[in-house]
Amino acid sequence: MKVLVLPLILLIPFGLYGKSKLKEIIDPSQGLNNPFGVTFDKQGNTYIAEYEGGRIFKLDKSEKLVQFSGNGKKGFAGNGKQVSQGVYNGMHNLAWSSDEVLYVSDTHNHLVRKIDLKTNLVSTFAGIPNSKGFSGDGGPATEAKLNTPISISLTPDEKTMLISDISNLRIRAVDLESGIIRTVAGNGKRGKPVDNMPALVQPLISPRAAIMDNSGNLFILERNGNALRVVRPNGKIQTLAGTGKKGHQDGPALKSTFNAPKHLCFDKNGNIIIADDKNQLIRLYNQKTKFVSTILGGKAIPKTVLNQPHGVALAPNGAIWVCDSGNNRILTLRNH
């Protein structure tokens, strides 16, 4: 494994304005190539996936950046082999489960991969290698076809994997115990869903990412739809934010605008953080006030210039981690 020791200066805040604290955890000199996603284990380690670089890195508690998996080339290899032999194609993000499994959205291989951290073996969790399409609902996820599974997340109880099957215009769900896959939103057609109608019979516009809260609300971020939507526990869909037009408008959520938003996560207060890629911003949807604001990038304080931020994640300590993908760096924001 390749080990890079991070200079301590990288962990010193470079932005401290009022209550908000901004840190550059990994800077461009550390050699990341288009980092898109991060996740965390309970031992204090952080895992980082590169889209262009094809590698997964591990940042441990001693501030060492270790090349964990991937060889820097795009392809498909490594199933049944050690993690160091894994090869991926266009990874978008990661998810970690408490049974010591790291899941990988291996997007352009049309797979979700699985790394067992107890054995360090790589396998396929969902999808069929070298095959894309739509099939398999009601059966094993390893026999189902996906089409550009761009983002993954686990439900809070870690019983279900959510897959943003973007080119199939669907959100798929896999039961982790049985391995059975099903569709939970989207009918495979492109279009704006009608509010308060069953999500399974409504269209979607490029469902880029999905997360679920403790109450069973499924939040869906649409890249080309430029909107945040929710599927309530009763199965009905509703638009929360975004007019559908491209732009950067803060304020009342249903009048707000986005420009190709790419990822989302909860913050420690239950608000939704959005990586608004083409606006070069990080936005916040407040569930109580139903307002959208900009918390990083642009004119926001603390000041920084983002370049196509693709990933956001909530760390165990409450900080928001930002994959500033075009700048090849990782930032953290606290007390936003």
C-alpha atoms as a PDB file:
ATOM      1  CA  MET A   1       0.000   0.000   0.000  1.00  0.00           C
ATOM      2  CA  LYS A   2       1.140   3.502  -0.837  1.00  0.00           C
ATOM      3  CA  VAL A   3       1.309   5.741   2.245  1.00  0.00           C
ATOM      4  CA  LEU A   4       1.297   9.525   2.207  1.00  0.00           C
ATOM      5  CA  VAL A   5       1.875  11.449   5.427  1.00  0.00           C
ATOM      6  CA  LEU A   6      -0.234  14.580   5.586  1.00  0.00           C
ATOM      7  CA  PRO A   7       1.539  17.695   6.805  1.00  0.00           C
ATOM      8  CA  LEU A   8       0.002  18.951  10.032  1.00  0.00           C
ATOM      9  CA  ILE A   9      -0.566  22.326   8.442  1.00  0.00           C
ATOM     10  CA  LEU A  10      -3.407  20.803   6.440  1.00  0.00           C
ATOM     11  CA  LEU A  11      -5.390  20.314   9.618  1.00  0.00           C
ATOM     12  CA  ILE A  12      -5.136  23.940  10.700  1.00  0.00           C
ATOM     13  CA  PRO A  13      -8.266  26.017   9.946  1.00  0.00           C
ATOM     14  CA  PHE A  14      -7.766  28.272   6.959  1.00  0.00           C
ATOM     15  CA  GLY A  15     -11.200  29.862   7.371  1.00  0.00           C
ATOM     16  CA  LEU A  16     -12.662  30.924  10.694  1.00  0.00           C
ATOM     17  CA  TYR A  17     -15.402  33.511  10.487  1.00  0.00           C
ATOM     18  CA  GLY A  18     -17.904  33.832  13.309  1.00  0.00           C
ATOM     19  CA  LYS A  19     -19.116  30.409  14.324  1.00  0.00           C
ATOM     20  CA  SER A  20     -18.353  28.570  11.101  1.00  0.00           C
ATOM     21  CA  LYS A  21     -15.036  26.766  10.792  1.00  0.00           C
ATOM     22  CA  LEU A  22     -13.596  25.651   7.470  1.00  0.00           C
ATOM     23  CA  LYS A  23     -10.650  23.267   7.171  1.00  0.00           C
ATOM     24  CA  GLU A  24      -8.748  21.904   4.235  1.00  0.00           C
ATOM     25  CA  ILE A  25      -8.220  18.294   5.259  1.00  0.00           C
ATOM     26  CA  ILE A  26      -6.526  17.232   2.017  1.00  0.00           C
ATOM     27  CA  ASP A  27      -5.066  19.782  -0.384  1.00  0.00           C
ATOM     28  CA  PRO A  28      -4.311  19.385  -4.112  1.00  0.00           C
ATOM     29  CA  SER A  29      -0.636  18.586  -3.477  1.00  0.00           C
ATOM     30  CA  GLN A  30      -1.619  15.248  -1.935  1.00  0.00           C
ATOM     31  CA  GLY A  31      -2.411  13.850  -5.382  1.00  0.00           C
ATOM     32  CA  LEU A  32      -6.131  13.055  -5.281  1.00  0.00           C
ATOM     33  CA  ASN A  33      -7.653  12.857  -8.751  1.00  0.00           C
ATOM     34  CA  ASN A  34     -11.275  14.040  -8.810  1.00  0.00           C
ATOM     35  CA  PRO A  35     -12.508  12.879  -5.375  1.00  0.00           C
ATOM     36  CA  PHE A  36     -16.275  12.343  -5.502  1.00  0.00           C
ATOM     37  CA  GLY A  37     -17.336  10.552  -2.319  1.00  0.00           C
ATOM     38  CA  VAL A  38     -16.434   9.989   1.326  1.00  0.00           C
ATOM     39  CA  THR A  39     -17.681   7.794   4.146  1.00  0.00           C
ATOM     40  CA  PHE A  40     -16.601   6.985   7.692  1.00  0.00           C
ATOM     41  CA  ASP A  41     -16.178   3.921   9.878  1.00  0.00           C
ATOM     42  CA  LYS A  42     -16.550   3.691  13.648  1.00  0.00           C
ATOM     43  CA  GLN A  43     -12.801   3.451  14.178  1.00  0.00           C
ATOM     44  CA  GLY A  44     -12.272   7.036  13.052  1.00  0.00           C
ATOM     45  CA  ASN A  45     -11.128   6.261   9.516  1.00  0.00           C
ATOM     46  CA  THR A  46     -12.359   8.069   6.423  1.00  0.00           C
ATOM     47  CA  TYR A  47     -12.648   6.456   2.989  1.00  0.00           C
ATOM     48  CA  ILE A  48     -12.420   8.575  -0.172  1.00  0.00           C
ATOM     49  CA  ALA A  49     -13.372   7.492  -3.709  1.00  0.00           C
ATOM     50  CA  GLU A  50     -11.931   9.068  -6.857  1.00  0.00           C
ATOM     51  CA  TYR A  51     -13.976   9.332 -10.026  1.00  0.00           C
ATOM     52  CA  GLU A  52     -11.181   9.908 -12.529  1.00  0.00           C
ATOM     53  CA  GLY A  53      -8.353   8.409 -10.473  1.00  0.00           C
ATOM     54  CA  GLY A  54     -10.022   5.048  -9.921  1.00  0.00           C
ATOM     55  CA  ARG A  55      -8.638   4.679  -6.394  1.00  0.00           C
ATOM     56  CA  ILE A  56     -10.070   4.418  -2.893  1.00  0.00           C
ATOM     57  CA  PHE A  57      -8.016   6.054  -0.157  1.00  0.00           C
ATOM     58  CA  LYS A  58      -8.144   5.618   3.592  1.00  0.00           C
ATOM     59  CA  LEU A  59      -7.389   8.552   5.866  1.00  0.00           C
ATOM     60  CA  ASP A  60      -6.678   7.149   9.311  1.00  0.00           C
ATOM     61  CA  LYS A  61      -6.652   8.732  12.762  1.00  0.00           C
ATOM     62  CA  SER A  62      -2.895   9.266  12.604  1.00  0.00           C
ATOM     63  CA  GLU A  63      -3.410  11.541   9.592  1.00  0.00           C
ATOM     64  CA  LYS A  64      -1.952   9.152   7.035  1.00  0.00           C
ATOM     65  CA  LEU A  65      -3.513   8.878   3.590  1.00  0.00           C
ATOM     66  CA  VAL A  66      -3.279   5.270   2.449  1.00  0.00           C
ATOM     67  CA  GLN A  67      -4.107   3.985  -1.019  1.00  0.00           C
ATOM     68  CA  PHE A  68      -6.587   1.286  -0.067  1.00  0.00           C
ATOM     69  CA  SER A  69      -7.963  -0.120  -3.337  1.00  0.00           C
ATOM     70  CA  GLY A  70      -7.819   0.505  -7.072  1.00  0.00           C
ATOM     71  CA  ASN A  71      -4.780   0.780  -9.315  1.00  0.00           C
ATOM     72  CA  GLY A  72      -5.428   4.156 -10.912  1.00  0.00           C
ATOM     73  CA  LYS A  73      -6.821   2.611 -14.089  1.00  0.00           C
ATOM     74  CA  LYS A  74     -10.437   2.249 -15.166  1.00  0.00           C
ATOM     75  CA  GLY A  75     -11.751  -1.266 -15.639  1.00  0.00           C
ATOM     76  CA  PHE A  76     -13.300  -4.202 -13.857  1.00  0.00           C
ATOM     77  CA  ALA A  77     -11.333  -6.712 -11.812  1.00  0.00           C
ATOM     78  CA  GLY A  78     -10.811  -8.053  -8.330  1.00  0.00           C
ATOM     79  CA  ASN A  79     -13.949 -10.007  -7.435  1.00  0.00           C
ATOM     80  CA  GLY A  80     -13.018 -12.751  -5.015  1.00  0.00           C
ATOM     81  CA  LYS A  81      -9.588 -11.203  -4.544  1.00  0.00           C
ATOM     82  CA  GLN A  82      -7.902  -8.965  -1.998  1.00  0.00           C
ATOM     83  CA  VAL A  83      -8.885  -5.317  -1.831  1.00  0.00           C
ATOM     84  CA  SER A  84      -5.572  -4.208  -3.313  1.00  0.00           C
ATOM     85  CA  GLN A  85      -6.545  -5.989  -6.554  1.00  0.00           C
ATOM     86  CA  GLY A  86      -9.878  -4.233  -7.004  1.00  0.00           C
ATOM     87  CA  VAL A  87     -10.341  -2.260 -10.219  1.00  0.00           C
ATOM     88  CA  TYR A  88     -13.249   0.149 -10.726  1.00  0.00           C
ATOM     89  CA  ASN A  89     -14.690   2.445 -13.365  1.00  0.00           C
ATOM     90  CA  GLY A  90     -16.049   5.880 -12.492  1.00  0.00           C
ATOM     91  CA  MET A  91     -16.732   5.540  -8.774  1.00  0.00           C
ATOM     92  CA  HIS A  92     -19.130   8.151  -7.427  1.00  0.00           C
ATOM     93  CA  ASN A  93     -19.526   7.463  -3.741  1.00  0.00           C
ATOM     94  CA  LEU A  94     -19.191   5.042  -0.848  1.00  0.00           C
ATOM     95  CA  ALA A  95     -21.242   3.722   2.062  1.00  0.00           C
ATOM     96  CA  TRP A  96     -19.978   2.004   5.208  1.00  0.00           C
ATOM     97  CA  SER A  97     -21.995  -0.389   7.379  1.00  0.00           C
ATOM     98  CA  SER A  98     -21.364  -1.361  10.975  1.00  0.00           C
ATOM     99  CA  ASP A  99     -20.786  -5.007  10.018  1.00  0.00           C
ATOM    100  CA  GLU A 100     -17.471  -3.800   8.560  1.00  0.00           C
ATOM    101  CA  VAL A 101     -18.487  -3.641   4.915  1.00  0.00           C
ATOM    102  CA  LEU A 102     -17.582  -0.839   2.518  1.00  0.00           C
ATOM    103  CA  TYR A 103     -19.935  -0.441  -0.446  1.00  0.00           C
ATOM    104  CA  VAL A 104     -18.803   1.229  -3.680  1.00  0.00           C
ATOM    105  CA  SER A 105     -20.938   2.730  -6.459  1.00  0.00           C
ATOM    106  CA  ASP A 106     -18.918   1.374  -9.387  1.00  0.00           C
ATOM    107  CA  THR A 107     -20.923   3.514 -11.763  1.00  0.00           C
ATOM    108  CA  HIS A 108     -19.588   2.808 -15.230  1.00  0.00           C
ATOM    109  CA  ASN A 109     -19.309  -0.895 -14.521  1.00  0.00           C
ATOM    110  CA  HIS A 110     -23.048  -0.666 -13.707  1.00  0.00           C
ATOM    111  CA  LEU A 111     -22.429  -2.298 -10.344  1.00  0.00           C
ATOM    112  CA  VAL A 112     -22.438  -1.774  -6.634  1.00  0.00           C
ATOM    113  CA  ARG A 113     -19.314  -3.473  -5.277  1.00  0.00           C
ATOM    114  CA  LYS A 114     -18.705  -4.722  -1.751  1.00  0.00           C
ATOM    115  CA  ILE A 115     -15.464  -4.782   0.234  1.00  0.00           C
ATOM    116  CA  ASP A 116     -15.573  -6.968   3.345  1.00  0.00           C
ATOM    117  CA  LEU A 117     -13.218  -5.192   5.730  1.00  0.00           C
ATOM    118  CA  LYS A 118     -12.899  -8.316   7.901  1.00  0.00           C
ATOM    119  CA  THR A 119     -11.511 -10.424   5.040  1.00  0.00           C
ATOM    120  CA  ASN A 120     -10.459  -7.583   2.669  1.00  0.00           C
ATOM    121  CA  LEU A 121     -12.193  -9.413  -0.183  1.00  0.00           C
ATOM    122  CA  VAL A 122     -13.993  -7.656  -3.056  1.00  0.00           C
ATOM    123  CA  SER A 123     -17.273  -8.869  -4.538  1.00  0.00           C
ATOM    124  CA  THR A 124     -20.348  -7.645  -6.414  1.00  0.00           C
ATOM    125  CA  PHE A 125     -23.313  -6.599  -4.273  1.00  0.00           C
ATOM    126  CA  ALA A 126     -25.723  -5.559  -7.034  1.00  0.00           C
ATOM    127  CA  GLY A 127     -25.713  -5.650 -10.809  1.00  0.00           C
ATOM    128  CA  ILE A 128     -24.216  -7.936 -13.424  1.00  0.00           C
ATOM    129  CA  PRO A 129     -20.610  -7.286 -14.507  1.00  0.00           C
ATOM    130  CA  ASN A 130     -20.267  -5.839 -18.007  1.00  0.00           C
ATOM    131  CA  SER A 131     -24.034  -5.648 -18.432  1.00  0.00           C
ATOM    132  CA  LYS A 132     -26.360  -2.656 -18.195  1.00  0.00           C
ATOM    133  CA  GLY A 133     -30.121  -2.317 -18.444  1.00  0.00           C
ATOM    134  CA  PHE A 134     -33.157  -2.687 -16.246  1.00  0.00           C
ATOM    135  CA  SER A 135     -34.247  -6.040 -14.864  1.00  0.00           C
ATOM    136  CA  GLY A 136     -34.421  -8.152 -11.765  1.00  0.00           C
ATOM    137  CA  ASP A 137     -36.920  -6.492  -9.431  1.00  0.00           C
ATOM    138  CA  GLY A 138     -38.185  -9.055  -6.954  1.00  0.00           C
ATOM    139  CA  GLY A 139     -35.091 -11.219  -7.307  1.00  0.00           C
ATOM    140  CA  PRO A 140     -31.457 -11.283  -6.164  1.00  0.00           C
ATOM    141  CA  ALA A 141     -29.646  -7.989  -6.681  1.00  0.00           C
ATOM    142  CA  THR A 142     -26.651  -9.870  -8.125  1.00  0.00           C
ATOM    143  CA  GLU A 143     -28.907 -11.067 -10.968  1.00  0.00           C
ATOM    144  CA  ALA A 144     -30.464  -7.676 -11.644  1.00  0.00           C
ATOM    145  CA  LYS A 145     -29.361  -5.177 -14.260  1.00  0.00           C
ATOM    146  CA  LEU A 146     -28.524  -1.592 -13.307  1.00  0.00           C
ATOM    147  CA  ASN A 147     -27.821   1.328 -15.610  1.00  0.00           C
ATOM    148  CA  THR A 148     -25.327   3.837 -14.235  1.00  0.00           C
ATOM    149  CA  PRO A 149     -25.843   3.369 -10.480  1.00  0.00           C
ATOM    150  CA  ILE A 150     -24.490   6.765  -9.582  1.00  0.00           C
ATOM    151  CA  SER A 151     -25.051   7.045  -5.849  1.00  0.00           C
ATOM    152  CA  ILE A 152     -25.677   4.728  -2.909  1.00  0.00           C
ATOM    153  CA  SER A 153     -26.683   5.133   0.723  1.00  0.00           C
ATOM    154  CA  LEU A 154     -27.833   2.990   3.602  1.00  0.00           C
ATOM    155  CA  THR A 155     -31.047   3.545   5.507  1.00  0.00           C
ATOM    156  CA  PRO A 156     -30.516   4.539   9.165  1.00  0.00           C
ATOM    157  CA  ASP A 157     -31.269   1.002  10.385  1.00  0.00           C
ATOM    158  CA  GLU A 158     -28.741  -0.381   7.862  1.00  0.00           C
ATOM    159  CA  LYS A 159     -31.305  -2.851   6.584  1.00  0.00           C
ATOM    160  CA  THR A 160     -31.602  -1.416   3.081  1.00  0.00           C
ATOM    161  CA  MET A 161     -29.251  -0.095   0.415  1.00  0.00           C
ATOM    162  CA  LEU A 162     -30.657   2.749  -1.705  1.00  0.00           C
ATOM    163  CA  ILE A 163     -29.320   2.960  -5.261  1.00  0.00           C
ATOM    164  CA  SER A 164     -29.807   5.964  -7.521  1.00  0.00           C
ATOM    165  CA  ASP A 165     -30.131   4.053 -10.793  1.00  0.00           C
ATOM    166  CA  ILE A 166     -29.931   7.254 -12.775  1.00  0.00           C
ATOM    167  CA  SER A 167     -30.116   6.034 -16.371  1.00  0.00           C
ATOM    168  CA  ASN A 168     -33.055   3.799 -15.448  1.00  0.00           C
ATOM    169  CA  LEU A 169     -34.722   6.882 -13.925  1.00  0.00           C
ATOM    170  CA  ARG A 170     -35.420   4.953 -10.756  1.00  0.00           C
ATOM    171  CA  ILE A 171     -34.428   4.623  -7.130  1.00  0.00           C
ATOM    172  CA  ARG A 172     -33.801   0.956  -6.368  1.00  0.00           C
ATOM    173  CA  ALA A 173     -33.585  -0.633  -2.919  1.00  0.00           C
ATOM    174  CA  VAL A 174     -31.817  -3.815  -1.841  1.00  0.00           C
ATOM    175  CA  ASP A 175     -32.667  -5.667   1.365  1.00  0.00           C
ATOM    176  CA  LEU A 176     -29.286  -6.381   2.956  1.00  0.00           C
ATOM    177  CA  GLU A 177     -30.476  -9.586   4.631  1.00  0.00           C
ATOM    178  CA  SER A 178     -32.243 -11.238   1.705  1.00  0.00           C
ATOM    179  CA  GLY A 179     -30.370  -9.540  -1.147  1.00  0.00           C
ATOM    180  CA  ILE A 180     -33.647  -8.880  -2.971  1.00  0.00           C
ATOM    181  CA  ILE A 181     -33.897  -5.738  -5.123  1.00  0.00           C
ATOM    182  CA  ARG A 182     -36.969  -3.624  -5.862  1.00  0.00           C
ATOM    183  CA  THR A 183     -37.893  -0.175  -7.177  1.00  0.00           C
ATOM    184  CA  VAL A 184     -39.099   2.396  -4.645  1.00  0.00           C
ATOM    185  CA  ALA A 185     -39.470   5.485  -6.859  1.00  0.00           C
ATOM    186  CA  GLY A 186     -39.708   6.225 -10.565  1.00  0.00           C
ATOM    187  CA  ASN A 187     -41.521   4.499 -13.420  1.00  0.00           C
ATOM    188  CA  GLY A 188     -38.615   4.534 -15.872  1.00  0.00           C
ATOM    189  CA  LYS A 189     -39.866   7.588 -17.754  1.00  0.00           C
ATOM    190  CA  ARG A 190     -38.357  11.071 -17.762  1.00  0.00           C
ATOM    191  CA  GLY A 191     -40.480  13.893 -16.435  1.00  0.00           C
ATOM    192  CA  LYS A 192     -41.521  15.978 -13.478  1.00  0.00           C
ATOM    193  CA  PRO A 193     -43.481  13.933 -10.943  1.00  0.00           C
ATOM    194  CA  VAL A 194     -46.917  15.112  -9.864  1.00  0.00           C
ATOM    195  CA  ASP A 195     -47.100  16.012  -6.186  1.00  0.00           C
ATOM    196  CA  ASN A 196     -48.974  13.704  -3.822  1.00  0.00           C
ATOM    197  CA  MET A 197     -49.112  10.839  -6.295  1.00  0.00           C
ATOM    198  CA  PRO A 198     -47.563   7.369  -5.756  1.00  0.00           C
ATOM    199  CA  ALA A 199     -43.830   7.593  -6.475  1.00  0.00           C
ATOM    200  CA  LEU A 200     -43.786   4.245  -8.250  1.00  0.00           C
ATOM    201  CA  VAL A 201     -46.027   5.477 -11.056  1.00  0.00           C
ATOM    202  CA  GLN A 202     -44.422   8.902 -11.444  1.00  0.00           C
ATOM    203  CA  PRO A 203     -41.481   9.865 -13.675  1.00  0.00           C
ATOM    204  CA  LEU A 204     -38.206  11.335 -12.430  1.00  0.00           C
ATOM    205  CA  ILE A 205     -35.585  13.589 -14.017  1.00  0.00           C
ATOM    206  CA  SER A 206     -32.064  12.230 -13.504  1.00  0.00           C
ATOM    207  CA  PRO A 207     -32.328  10.996  -9.882  1.00  0.00           C
ATOM    208  CA  ARG A 208     -28.744  11.675  -8.793  1.00  0.00           C
ATOM    209  CA  ALA A 209     -28.788  10.761  -5.090  1.00  0.00           C
ATOM    210  CA  ALA A 210     -31.156   9.527  -2.392  1.00  0.00           C
ATOM    211  CA  ILE A 211     -31.099   9.317   1.404  1.00  0.00           C
ATOM    212  CA  MET A 212     -33.646   8.275   4.024  1.00  0.00           C
ATOM    213  CA  ASP A 213     -34.289   9.682   7.497  1.00  0.00           C
ATOM    214  CA  ASN A 214     -35.304   7.879  10.681  1.00  0.00           C
ATOM    215  CA  SER A 215     -38.990   8.421   9.918  1.00  0.00           C
ATOM    216  CA  GLY A 216     -38.822   6.684   6.551  1.00  0.00           C
ATOM    217  CA  ASN A 217     -38.872   9.817   4.392  1.00  0.00           C
ATOM    218  CA  LEU A 218     -36.910   9.220   1.184  1.00  0.00           C
ATOM    219  CA  PHE A 219     -35.227  12.380  -0.155  1.00  0.00           C
ATOM    220  CA  ILE A 220     -34.326  12.388  -3.849  1.00  0.00           C
ATOM    221  CA  LEU A 221     -32.041  14.928  -5.506  1.00  0.00           C
ATOM    222  CA  GLU A 222     -32.565  15.353  -9.248  1.00  0.00           C
ATOM    223  CA  ARG A 223     -29.567  16.516 -11.259  1.00  0.00           C
ATOM    224  CA  ASN A 224     -31.283  17.650 -14.451  1.00  0.00           C
ATOM    225  CA  GLY A 225     -34.550  18.241 -12.647  1.00  0.00           C
ATOM    226  CA  ASN A 226     -32.760  20.781 -10.441  1.00  0.00           C
ATOM    227  CA  ALA A 227     -35.004  19.850  -7.551  1.00  0.00           C
ATOM    228  CA  LEU A 228     -35.204  18.161  -4.173  1.00  0.00           C
ATOM    229  CA  ARG A 229     -38.144  15.810  -3.731  1.00  0.00           C
ATOM    230  CA  VAL A 230     -39.356  13.489  -0.982  1.00  0.00           C
ATOM    231  CA  VAL A 231     -41.244  10.214  -0.947  1.00  0.00           C
ATOM    232  CA  ARG A 232     -43.225  10.024   2.272  1.00  0.00           C
ATOM    233  CA  PRO A 233     -43.719   6.728   4.151  1.00  0.00           C
ATOM    234  CA  ASN A 234     -47.127   6.457   2.454  1.00  0.00           C
ATOM    235  CA  GLY A 235     -45.305   6.173  -0.882  1.00  0.00           C
ATOM    236  CA  LYS A 236     -46.404   9.540  -2.275  1.00  0.00           C
ATOM    237  CA  ILE A 237     -43.927  11.981  -3.801  1.00  0.00           C
ATOM    238  CA  GLN A 238     -43.692  15.715  -3.223  1.00  0.00           C
ATOM    239  CA  THR A 239     -41.379  18.521  -4.396  1.00  0.00           C
ATOM    240  CA  LEU A 240     -39.594  20.287  -1.528  1.00  0.00           C
ATOM    241  CA  ALA A 241     -37.215  22.684  -3.277  1.00  0.00           C
ATOM    242  CA  GLY A 242     -36.370  23.896  -6.747  1.00  0.00           C
ATOM    243  CA  THR A 243     -38.478  25.295  -9.568  1.00  0.00           C
ATOM    244  CA  GLY A 244     -36.841  22.968 -12.074  1.00  0.00           C
ATOM    245  CA  LYS A 245     -35.049  25.838 -13.794  1.00  0.00           C
ATOM    246  CA  LYS A 246     -31.283  26.346 -13.666  1.00  0.00           C
ATOM    247  CA  GLY A 247     -30.120  29.157 -11.430  1.00  0.00           C
ATOM    248  CA  HIS A 248     -28.932  30.235  -8.000  1.00  0.00           C
ATOM    249  CA  GLN A 249     -31.859  31.572  -6.045  1.00  0.00           C
ATOM    250  CA  ASP A 250     -31.941  31.292  -2.266  1.00  0.00           C
ATOM    251  CA  GLY A 251     -35.056  31.871  -0.167  1.00  0.00           C
ATOM    252  CA  PRO A 252     -38.405  30.054  -0.032  1.00  0.00           C
ATOM    253  CA  ALA A 253     -37.629  26.517  -1.127  1.00  0.00           C
ATOM    254  CA  LEU A 254     -40.262  26.173  -3.830  1.00  0.00           C
ATOM    255  CA  LYS A 255     -38.974  29.377  -5.458  1.00  0.00           C
ATOM    256  CA  SER A 256     -35.302  28.413  -5.140  1.00  0.00           C
ATOM    257  CA  THR A 257     -33.162  27.279  -8.056  1.00  0.00           C
ATOM    258  CA  PHE A 258     -30.205  24.934  -8.487  1.00  0.00           C
ATOM    259  CA  ASN A 259     -27.830  24.056 -11.309  1.00  0.00           C
ATOM    260  CA  ALA A 260     -27.096  20.342 -11.701  1.00  0.00           C
ATOM    261  CA  PRO A 261     -26.969  19.395  -7.994  1.00  0.00           C
ATOM    262  CA  LYS A 262     -24.987  16.212  -7.484  1.00  0.00           C
ATOM    263  CA  HIS A 263     -25.203  14.910  -3.933  1.00  0.00           C
ATOM    264  CA  LEU A 264     -26.888  15.383  -0.574  1.00  0.00           C
ATOM    265  CA  CYS A 265     -26.615  14.441   3.080  1.00  0.00           C
ATOM    266  CA  PHE A 266     -28.216  15.372   6.383  1.00  0.00           C
ATOM    267  CA  ASP A 267     -26.494  17.720   8.784  1.00  0.00           C
ATOM    268  CA  LYS A 268     -26.507  17.139  12.551  1.00  0.00           C
ATOM    269  CA  ASN A 269     -29.758  19.124  12.856  1.00  0.00           C
ATOM    270  CA  GLY A 270     -31.623  17.162  10.215  1.00  0.00           C
ATOM    271  CA  ASN A 271     -31.325  19.805   7.506  1.00  0.00           C
ATOM    272  CA  ILE A 272     -30.334  18.698   4.021  1.00  0.00           C
ATOM    273  CA  ILE A 273     -26.963  19.697   2.585  1.00  0.00           C
ATOM    274  CA  ILE A 274     -26.734  19.811  -1.218  1.00  0.00           C
ATOM    275  CA  ALA A 275     -23.647  19.855  -3.443  1.00  0.00           C
ATOM    276  CA  ASP A 276     -24.821  22.292  -6.128  1.00  0.00           C
ATOM    277  CA  ASP A 277     -22.195  21.370  -8.684  1.00  0.00           C
ATOM    278  CA  LYS A 278     -22.558  23.794 -11.585  1.00  0.00           C
ATOM    279  CA  ASN A 279     -23.181  26.719  -9.226  1.00  0.00           C
ATOM    280  CA  GLN A 280     -19.929  25.799  -7.415  1.00  0.00           C
ATOM    281  CA  LEU A 281     -21.819  26.007  -4.093  1.00  0.00           C
ATOM    282  CA  ILE A 282     -22.931  24.056  -1.060  1.00  0.00           C
ATOM    283  CA  ARG A 283     -26.570  24.746  -0.262  1.00  0.00           C
ATOM    284  CA  LEU A 284     -28.774  23.997   2.762  1.00  0.00           C
ATOM    285  CA  TYR A 285     -32.474  23.133   2.804  1.00  0.00           C
ATOM    286  CA  ASN A 286     -33.949  23.876   6.241  1.00  0.00           C
ATOM    287  CA  GLN A 287     -36.753  21.422   6.897  1.00  0.00           C
ATOM    288  CA  LYS A 288     -38.368  23.621   9.555  1.00  0.00           C
ATOM    289  CA  THR A 289     -38.349  26.978   7.746  1.00  0.00           C
ATOM    290  CA  LYS A 290     -38.544  25.486   4.227  1.00  0.00           C
ATOM    291  CA  PHE A 291     -35.869  27.913   3.067  1.00  0.00           C
ATOM    292  CA  VAL A 292     -32.788  27.294   0.939  1.00  0.00           C
ATOM    293  CA  SER A 293     -29.533  29.095   1.716  1.00  0.00           C
ATOM    294  CA  THR A 294     -25.926  29.016   0.514  1.00  0.00           C
ATOM    295  CA  ILE A 295     -23.436  27.962   3.195  1.00  0.00           C
ATOM    296  CA  LEU A 296     -20.198  27.561   1.220  1.00  0.00           C
ATOM    297  CA  GLY A 297     -18.892  29.071  -1.996  1.00  0.00           C
ATOM    298  CA  GLY A 298     -19.916  32.268  -3.728  1.00  0.00           C
ATOM    299  CA  LYS A 299     -20.546  35.056  -1.229  1.00  0.00           C
ATOM    300  CA  ALA A 300     -20.999  32.701   1.733  1.00  0.00           C
ATOM    301  CA  ILE A 301     -18.873  33.032   4.873  1.00  0.00           C
ATOM    302  CA  PRO A 302     -16.373  31.458   5.410  1.00  0.00           C
ATOM    303  CA  LYS A 303     -14.949  32.371   2.025  1.00  0.00           C
ATOM    304  CA  THR A 304     -13.626  29.795  -0.412  1.00  0.00           C
ATOM    305  CA  VAL A 305     -13.818  29.104  -4.138  1.00  0.00           C
ATOM    306  CA  LEU A 306     -15.229  25.704  -5.046  1.00  0.00           C
ATOM    307  CA  ASN A 307     -14.837  23.891  -8.356  1.00  0.00           C
ATOM    308  CA  GLN A 308     -17.575  21.376  -9.164  1.00  0.00           C
ATOM    309  CA  PRO A 309     -18.219  19.980  -5.668  1.00  0.00           C
ATOM    310  CA  HIS A 310     -19.652  16.498  -6.135  1.00  0.00           C
ATOM    311  CA  GLY A 311     -19.773  14.949  -2.682  1.00  0.00           C
ATOM    312  CA  VAL A 312     -21.018  15.889   0.787  1.00  0.00           C
ATOM    313  CA  ALA A 313     -21.145  13.704   3.893  1.00  0.00           C
ATOM    314  CA  LEU A 314     -21.922  14.061   7.583  1.00  0.00           C
ATOM    315  CA  ALA A 315     -19.000  12.965   9.778  1.00  0.00           C
ATOM    316  CA  PRO A 316     -19.509  11.364  13.214  1.00  0.00           C
ATOM    317  CA  ASN A 317     -18.334  14.606  14.881  1.00  0.00           C
ATOM    318  CA  GLY A 318     -21.042  16.627  13.133  1.00  0.00           C
ATOM    319  CA  ALA A 319     -18.794  18.247  10.507  1.00  0.00           C
ATOM    320  CA  ILE A 320     -19.806  18.340   6.847  1.00  0.00           C
ATOM    321  CA  TRP A 321     -17.149  16.939   4.531  1.00  0.00           C
ATOM    322  CA  VAL A 322     -17.059  18.382   1.019  1.00  0.00           C
ATOM    323  CA  CYS A 323     -15.437  16.758  -1.998  1.00  0.00           C
ATOM    324  CA  ASP A 324     -14.262  19.828  -3.908  1.00  0.00           C
ATOM    325  CA  SER A 325     -13.765  17.604  -6.906  1.00  0.00           C
ATOM    326  CA  GLY A 326     -12.431  20.020  -9.514  1.00  0.00           C
ATOM    327  CA  ASN A 327      -9.904  21.388  -7.032  1.00  0.00           C
ATOM    328  CA  ASN A 328      -8.792  17.872  -6.001  1.00  0.00           C
ATOM    329  CA  ARG A 329      -9.215  18.615  -2.311  1.00  0.00           C
ATOM    330  CA  ILE A 330     -11.372  17.708   0.692  1.00  0.00           C
ATOM    331  CA  LEU A 331     -12.850  20.336   3.008  1.00  0.00           C
ATOM    332  CA  THR A 332     -14.726  20.168   6.298  1.00  0.00           C
ATOM    333  CA  LEU A 333     -17.254  22.700   7.540  1.00  0.00           C
ATOM    334  CA  ARG A 334     -18.487  22.972  11.124  1.00  0.00           C
ATOM    335  CA  ASN A 335     -21.103  25.144  12.804  1.00  0.00           C
ATOM    336  CA  HIS A 336     -22.597  26.238   9.501  1.00  0.00           C
END
